[in-house]
Amino acid sequence: MLDNAQIIETIDLGLIVLDRGMVVRGWNRWMEIHSGVSAQEIIGTVITDRYPNLGEPKYRRMLKSVLTFGSYAYFSQKLHQYLIPLENPHSTVEQMPYMQQSCSAAPLRDQQGMITGLFISVHDVTEYTIYENKLLEMTKIDSLTRLYNRSYLDKRLTEELERTHRFGNVFSVIMIDVDYFKRINDTRGHLCGDYTLRQLALILLQVVRSVDFVGRYGGEEFCCVLPETSAANACILAECLRKKIADEQFVYGQERFSITISLGVAEYGDGADTLERLVGLADAALYQAKREGRNRVVCAESSALPLFADDQESSVW
């Protein structure tokens, strides 16, 4: 039967024993392997000399409560990511350089029940965290284009509306639709259609700012949410997008082809003070652009704002 010392050395989690002065009194084999620091090297030293982050107030308070009141302390991965900075030992090191940890601290008592120190257990939850993040990503990312999906985009739109209500900021949306997209599927096949949407998504991300949100709203329709942006400036960006797409040469197999897009712009404000009205107004402008010949930008309900369009409709097909 294994004795306690053997269990401590073979258990699949880190165990650290500290006295009341934060001097290391125990450092099991797991900690040696993952930290690269031997027990002989660290035992007898103050742990904050090796790991200064443990001296931060948020950690010091929690450890002090264990020594003072004999309570247990928990260090959640969701709040802290890790307690001891250890290199990620898994193949996911590029995604997360440091091992993600859920840790706990508990008091150590002598035979009279007096608290003489504490021990910290370190659980590696990196792979679980990666998996959880992937599941979370699946709920908000469109699998084809890797842009935000409709439900997550609606959530961000709602948050932007609430922020605007609170602080009085301006923001705009651009609705985008690929002109004659059905022709691509009918003449070149659905795989080429998927390729076209993916390339379009990449171009959108290249042109918009890092603070903007871009999502696939459905089918071949996309939506850009532009915080702190007036309709006039949104129209300028929309025209940049229209021209960039029109000038782009798409290459699929042995074929080269071009596409055009139509865009509708709306700004939050009178007549567009809810999510449904704002998106509806931008959608109406988009379909006005379609009716007026496609390959153009229409700004909703403002003759003072610029309207951009090519003089001739693109004859791509």
Protein backbone atom coordinates (compact mmCIF):
# COMPACT_ATOMS: atom_id res chain seq x y z
CA MET A 1 0.00 0.00 0.00
CA LEU A 2 1.26 3.47 -0.85
CA ASP A 3 2.11 5.67 2.13
CA ASN A 4 1.16 9.37 2.26
CA ALA A 5 4.54 10.53 0.94
CA GLN A 6 4.25 8.24 -2.09
CA ILE A 7 0.73 9.47 -2.81
CA ILE A 8 1.86 13.11 -2.66
CA GLU A 9 4.68 12.40 -5.11
CA THR A 10 2.62 10.40 -7.60
CA ILE A 11 -0.72 12.25 -7.56
CA ASP A 12 -1.65 14.01 -10.81
CA LEU A 13 -1.84 17.55 -9.42
CA GLY A 14 0.54 20.05 -7.92
CA LEU A 15 0.92 20.28 -4.13
CA ILE A 16 2.73 23.14 -2.41
CA VAL A 17 3.17 23.38 1.37
CA LEU A 18 3.87 26.81 2.93
CA ASP A 19 4.47 27.82 6.51
CA ARG A 20 3.04 30.98 8.07
CA GLY A 21 5.90 33.03 6.66
CA MET A 22 5.18 31.84 3.09
CA VAL A 23 8.35 29.71 3.15
CA VAL A 24 8.08 26.60 0.96
CA ARG A 25 8.07 23.39 3.04
CA GLY A 26 6.76 21.01 0.41
CA TRP A 27 6.95 20.81 -3.39
CA ASN A 28 5.82 17.56 -4.96
CA ARG A 29 7.08 15.78 -8.07
CA TRP A 30 4.25 17.21 -10.24
CA MET A 31 5.38 20.75 -9.40
CA GLU A 32 8.98 19.85 -10.20
CA ILE A 33 8.01 18.51 -13.64
CA HIS A 34 5.79 21.41 -14.66
CA SER A 35 7.76 24.28 -13.13
CA GLY A 36 11.24 23.04 -13.96
CA VAL A 37 12.18 23.90 -10.34
CA SER A 38 13.36 21.06 -8.11
CA ALA A 39 12.14 20.59 -4.55
CA GLN A 40 15.73 20.89 -3.31
CA GLU A 41 16.05 24.25 -5.05
CA ILE A 42 12.85 25.87 -3.75
CA ILE A 43 12.22 24.35 -0.29
CA GLY A 44 13.33 26.79 2.37
CA THR A 45 12.79 29.86 0.19
CA VAL A 46 9.95 32.40 0.33
CA ILE A 47 7.56 31.53 -2.50
CA THR A 48 7.03 35.16 -3.51
CA ASP A 49 10.75 35.41 -4.27
CA ARG A 50 10.22 32.86 -7.03
CA TYR A 51 6.63 33.82 -7.93
CA PRO A 52 6.10 37.53 -7.15
CA ASN A 53 2.49 37.46 -8.37
CA LEU A 54 1.52 35.56 -5.21
CA GLY A 55 2.39 38.73 -3.31
CA GLU A 56 -0.33 40.69 -5.12
CA PRO A 57 -3.07 41.95 -2.75
CA LYS A 58 -5.81 39.75 -4.26
CA TYR A 59 -3.78 36.59 -3.57
CA ARG A 60 -2.24 37.77 -0.31
CA ARG A 61 -5.68 38.45 1.19
CA MET A 62 -6.97 35.02 0.24
CA LEU A 63 -3.93 33.21 1.64
CA LYS A 64 -4.00 35.32 4.80
CA SER A 65 -7.63 34.34 5.41
CA VAL A 66 -6.60 30.67 5.31
CA LEU A 67 -3.86 31.24 7.91
CA THR A 68 -5.99 33.51 10.10
CA PHE A 69 -9.42 31.88 10.06
CA GLY A 70 -8.67 28.38 8.85
CA SER A 71 -11.00 28.85 5.89
CA TYR A 72 -10.53 27.40 2.44
CA ALA A 73 -9.65 29.61 -0.52
CA TYR A 74 -10.41 28.86 -4.16
CA PHE A 75 -8.69 30.36 -7.18
CA SER A 76 -10.98 29.99 -10.18
CA GLN A 77 -9.51 29.70 -13.66
CA LYS A 78 -12.32 31.90 -14.97
CA LEU A 79 -11.24 34.73 -12.64
CA HIS A 80 -7.47 34.30 -12.45
CA GLN A 81 -6.48 31.98 -15.36
CA TYR A 82 -3.62 30.63 -13.25
CA LEU A 83 -2.07 30.98 -9.80
CA ILE A 84 1.46 29.75 -10.51
CA PRO A 85 2.79 30.77 -13.97
CA LEU A 86 3.65 27.40 -15.54
CA GLU A 87 4.24 26.74 -19.23
CA ASN A 88 1.34 25.05 -21.01
CA PRO A 89 2.47 21.39 -21.38
CA HIS A 90 -0.10 20.59 -24.08
CA SER A 91 -0.14 21.00 -27.85
CA THR A 92 -2.30 24.11 -27.38
CA VAL A 93 0.65 26.20 -26.19
CA GLU A 94 0.25 28.65 -29.11
CA GLN A 95 -3.32 29.36 -28.05
CA MET A 96 -2.52 29.58 -24.34
CA PRO A 97 1.14 30.04 -23.37
CA TYR A 98 0.44 29.34 -19.68
CA MET A 99 -1.24 26.37 -18.06
CA GLN A 100 -4.79 27.22 -17.00
CA GLN A 101 -5.35 26.29 -13.36
CA SER A 102 -8.09 25.84 -10.80
CA CYS A 103 -6.42 25.97 -7.39
CA SER A 104 -7.41 25.70 -3.75
CA ALA A 105 -5.67 26.49 -0.47
CA ALA A 106 -6.42 24.83 2.87
CA PRO A 107 -4.97 25.18 6.39
CA LEU A 108 -2.47 22.79 7.99
CA ARG A 109 -2.84 22.24 11.76
CA ASP A 110 -0.65 20.70 14.45
CA GLN A 111 -1.86 18.22 17.05
CA GLN A 112 -3.25 21.05 19.19
CA GLY A 113 -5.30 22.34 16.25
CA MET A 114 -3.17 25.42 15.73
CA ILE A 115 -2.69 26.58 12.15
CA THR A 116 0.95 26.12 11.22
CA GLY A 117 0.74 26.75 7.50
CA LEU A 118 -1.25 25.90 4.42
CA PHE A 119 -1.13 23.76 1.33
CA ILE A 120 -2.06 24.73 -2.22
CA SER A 121 -3.34 22.23 -4.78
CA VAL A 122 -2.85 23.09 -8.46
CA HIS A 123 -5.17 21.46 -11.03
CA ASP A 124 -4.33 21.66 -14.73
CA VAL A 125 -7.57 22.57 -16.55
CA THR A 126 -5.98 23.83 -19.78
CA GLU A 127 -7.52 21.29 -22.13
CA TYR A 128 -10.93 21.73 -20.55
CA THR A 129 -10.61 25.50 -20.93
CA ILE A 130 -9.63 25.19 -24.60
CA TYR A 131 -12.61 22.93 -25.23
CA GLU A 132 -14.94 25.28 -23.37
CA ASN A 133 -13.65 28.23 -25.42
CA LYS A 134 -14.26 26.30 -28.64
CA LEU A 135 -17.82 25.55 -27.58
CA LEU A 136 -18.33 29.22 -26.73
CA GLU A 137 -16.91 30.24 -30.11
CA MET A 138 -19.31 27.89 -31.86
CA THR A 139 -22.23 29.81 -30.35
CA LYS A 140 -21.15 33.11 -31.88
CA ILE A 141 -19.14 32.36 -35.04
CA ASP A 142 -20.54 31.52 -38.46
CA SER A 143 -18.88 28.26 -39.49
CA LEU A 144 -18.52 29.19 -43.17
CA THR A 145 -17.20 32.76 -43.05
CA ARG A 146 -15.72 32.82 -39.51
CA LEU A 147 -17.51 36.11 -38.95
CA TYR A 148 -20.01 36.65 -36.13
CA ASN A 149 -23.27 34.80 -36.66
CA ARG A 150 -26.74 36.37 -36.65
CA SER A 151 -27.56 35.70 -32.99
CA TYR A 152 -24.26 37.05 -31.67
CA LEU A 153 -24.43 40.07 -33.96
CA ASP A 154 -27.93 40.85 -32.64
CA LYS A 155 -26.52 40.61 -29.11
CA ARG A 156 -23.74 43.09 -29.92
CA LEU A 157 -26.24 45.38 -31.63
CA THR A 158 -28.41 45.34 -28.51
CA GLU A 159 -25.39 46.14 -26.32
CA GLU A 160 -24.45 49.05 -28.60
CA LEU A 161 -28.02 50.36 -28.43
CA GLU A 162 -27.93 50.23 -24.63
CA ARG A 163 -24.56 52.00 -24.57
CA THR A 164 -25.92 54.68 -26.88
CA HIS A 165 -29.02 55.17 -24.73
CA ARG A 166 -26.81 55.61 -21.68
CA PHE A 167 -24.07 57.86 -23.05
CA GLY A 168 -25.69 59.51 -26.05
CA ASN A 169 -23.13 58.17 -28.52
CA VAL A 170 -23.74 57.87 -32.23
CA PHE A 171 -23.44 54.62 -34.15
CA SER A 172 -24.42 53.26 -37.54
CA VAL A 173 -24.98 49.97 -39.32
CA ILE A 174 -24.27 48.87 -42.87
CA MET A 175 -26.29 46.08 -44.45
CA ILE A 176 -24.52 44.38 -47.38
CA ASP A 177 -25.83 41.98 -50.00
CA VAL A 178 -23.99 40.24 -52.84
CA ASP A 179 -25.47 41.17 -56.23
CA TYR A 180 -26.74 38.25 -58.33
CA PHE A 181 -25.33 35.71 -55.89
CA LYS A 182 -27.70 33.02 -57.16
CA ARG A 183 -25.93 33.17 -60.51
CA ILE A 184 -22.68 32.09 -58.86
CA ASN A 185 -24.32 29.01 -57.34
CA ASP A 186 -26.20 28.23 -60.56
CA THR A 187 -23.28 28.67 -62.99
CA ARG A 188 -20.21 27.84 -60.90
CA GLY A 189 -21.65 25.64 -58.18
CA HIS A 190 -22.31 25.97 -54.48
CA LEU A 191 -18.67 25.34 -53.53
CA CYS A 192 -17.69 28.41 -55.53
CA GLY A 193 -20.50 30.29 -53.79
CA ASP A 194 -19.08 29.29 -50.41
CA TYR A 195 -15.60 30.36 -51.53
CA THR A 196 -16.99 33.74 -52.64
CA LEU A 197 -18.60 34.37 -49.25
CA ARG A 198 -15.40 33.42 -47.42
CA GLN A 199 -13.31 35.77 -49.56
CA LEU A 200 -15.83 38.55 -49.12
CA ALA A 201 -15.66 38.07 -45.34
CA LEU A 202 -11.86 38.42 -45.43
CA ILE A 203 -12.10 41.67 -47.40
CA LEU A 204 -14.69 43.09 -45.00
CA LEU A 205 -12.38 42.40 -42.07
CA GLN A 206 -9.50 44.09 -43.88
CA VAL A 207 -11.43 47.32 -44.49
CA VAL A 208 -13.36 47.87 -41.24
CA ARG A 209 -11.75 49.06 -38.02
CA SER A 210 -10.81 46.72 -35.19
CA VAL A 211 -13.58 48.25 -33.03
CA ASP A 212 -16.27 47.47 -35.61
CA PHE A 213 -18.32 44.26 -35.62
CA VAL A 214 -18.90 42.33 -38.83
CA GLY A 215 -21.27 39.41 -39.13
CA ARG A 216 -23.09 37.22 -41.59
CA TYR A 217 -26.72 38.16 -41.24
CA GLY A 218 -28.04 35.35 -43.38
CA GLY A 219 -27.38 33.79 -46.79
CA GLU A 220 -25.32 36.27 -48.78
CA GLU A 221 -26.23 39.21 -46.54
CA PHE A 222 -23.75 40.77 -44.11
CA CYS A 223 -23.95 43.45 -41.44
CA CYS A 224 -21.34 45.89 -40.10
CA VAL A 225 -21.90 47.59 -36.74
CA LEU A 226 -19.90 50.83 -36.49
CA PRO A 227 -19.63 52.33 -32.98
CA GLU A 228 -19.00 56.07 -32.68
CA THR A 229 -19.73 56.53 -36.39
CA SER A 230 -22.19 58.90 -38.04
CA ALA A 231 -24.17 57.96 -41.15
CA ALA A 232 -21.99 60.31 -43.23
CA ASN A 233 -18.80 58.53 -42.17
CA ALA A 234 -20.48 55.13 -42.46
CA CYS A 235 -21.35 55.97 -46.07
CA ILE A 236 -17.70 56.76 -46.78
CA LEU A 237 -16.69 53.37 -45.36
CA ALA A 238 -19.48 51.66 -47.29
CA GLU A 239 -18.20 53.21 -50.52
CA CYS A 240 -14.69 51.96 -49.73
CA LEU A 241 -16.13 48.46 -49.26
CA ARG A 242 -18.15 48.68 -52.50
CA LYS A 243 -15.15 49.79 -54.53
CA LYS A 244 -12.78 47.28 -52.93
CA ILE A 245 -15.11 44.38 -53.74
CA ALA A 246 -15.81 45.62 -57.29
CA ASP A 247 -12.07 45.87 -58.01
CA GLU A 248 -11.25 42.45 -56.53
CA GLN A 249 -10.48 39.49 -58.79
CA PHE A 250 -11.73 36.21 -57.36
CA VAL A 251 -9.92 33.06 -58.48
CA TYR A 252 -11.66 29.70 -58.16
CA GLY A 253 -10.05 26.76 -59.91
CA GLN A 254 -9.10 27.96 -63.36
CA GLU A 255 -11.64 30.78 -63.42
CA ARG A 256 -11.29 34.44 -62.55
CA PHE A 257 -14.39 36.50 -61.88
CA SER A 258 -15.66 39.62 -60.14
CA ILE A 259 -18.66 40.43 -57.99
CA THR A 260 -20.42 43.56 -56.80
CA ILE A 261 -22.31 44.37 -53.63
CA SER A 262 -25.16 46.68 -52.69
CA LEU A 263 -25.11 48.47 -49.35
CA GLY A 264 -27.62 50.24 -47.13
CA VAL A 265 -26.59 52.56 -44.29
CA ALA A 266 -28.60 53.73 -41.29
CA GLU A 267 -27.69 55.71 -38.18
CA TYR A 268 -29.24 55.30 -34.75
CA GLY A 269 -31.64 58.14 -34.03
CA ASP A 270 -35.17 59.36 -34.69
CA GLY A 271 -37.11 56.71 -36.54
CA ALA A 272 -34.35 54.16 -35.80
CA ASP A 273 -34.35 54.03 -32.01
CA THR A 274 -34.81 50.28 -31.63
CA LEU A 275 -32.85 47.32 -32.98
CA GLU A 276 -35.69 46.31 -35.32
CA ARG A 277 -36.17 49.84 -36.70
CA LEU A 278 -32.46 50.47 -37.17
CA VAL A 279 -31.82 47.22 -39.03
CA GLY A 280 -35.10 47.64 -40.92
CA LEU A 281 -34.07 51.11 -42.05
CA ALA A 282 -30.66 49.89 -43.24
CA ASP A 283 -32.33 46.95 -44.98
CA ALA A 284 -34.76 49.30 -46.75
CA ALA A 285 -31.82 51.39 -47.97
CA LEU A 286 -30.10 48.21 -49.16
CA TYR A 287 -33.10 47.15 -51.23
CA GLN A 288 -33.41 50.66 -52.60
CA ALA A 289 -29.83 50.22 -53.84
CA LYS A 290 -30.91 46.95 -55.45
CA ARG A 291 -33.87 48.61 -57.18
CA GLU A 292 -31.74 51.49 -58.45
CA GLY A 293 -29.34 49.18 -60.29
CA ARG A 294 -27.14 47.47 -57.65
CA ASN A 295 -23.43 48.04 -57.02
CA ARG A 296 -24.16 51.19 -55.01
CA VAL A 297 -24.53 52.66 -51.52
CA VAL A 298 -27.78 54.16 -50.28
CA CYS A 299 -28.02 56.03 -46.98
CA ALA A 300 -31.38 55.80 -45.26
CA GLU A 301 -33.72 58.81 -45.25
CA SER A 302 -31.28 61.67 -45.73
CA SER A 303 -30.94 63.47 -49.02
CA ALA A 304 -28.08 65.47 -47.49
CA LEU A 305 -25.92 62.37 -47.18
CA PRO A 306 -23.85 61.10 -50.11
CA LEU A 307 -25.09 58.36 -52.39
CA PHE A 308 -22.42 56.45 -54.25
CA ALA A 309 -22.80 54.26 -57.30
CA ASP A 310 -21.02 53.23 -60.44
CA ASP A 311 -22.46 54.89 -63.52
CA GLN A 312 -22.87 51.56 -65.23
CA GLU A 313 -24.10 48.34 -63.71
CA SER A 314 -21.35 45.74 -63.55
CA SER A 315 -21.66 43.12 -66.29
CA VAL A 316 -19.80 40.36 -64.48
CA TRP A 317 -21.52 37.38 -65.91
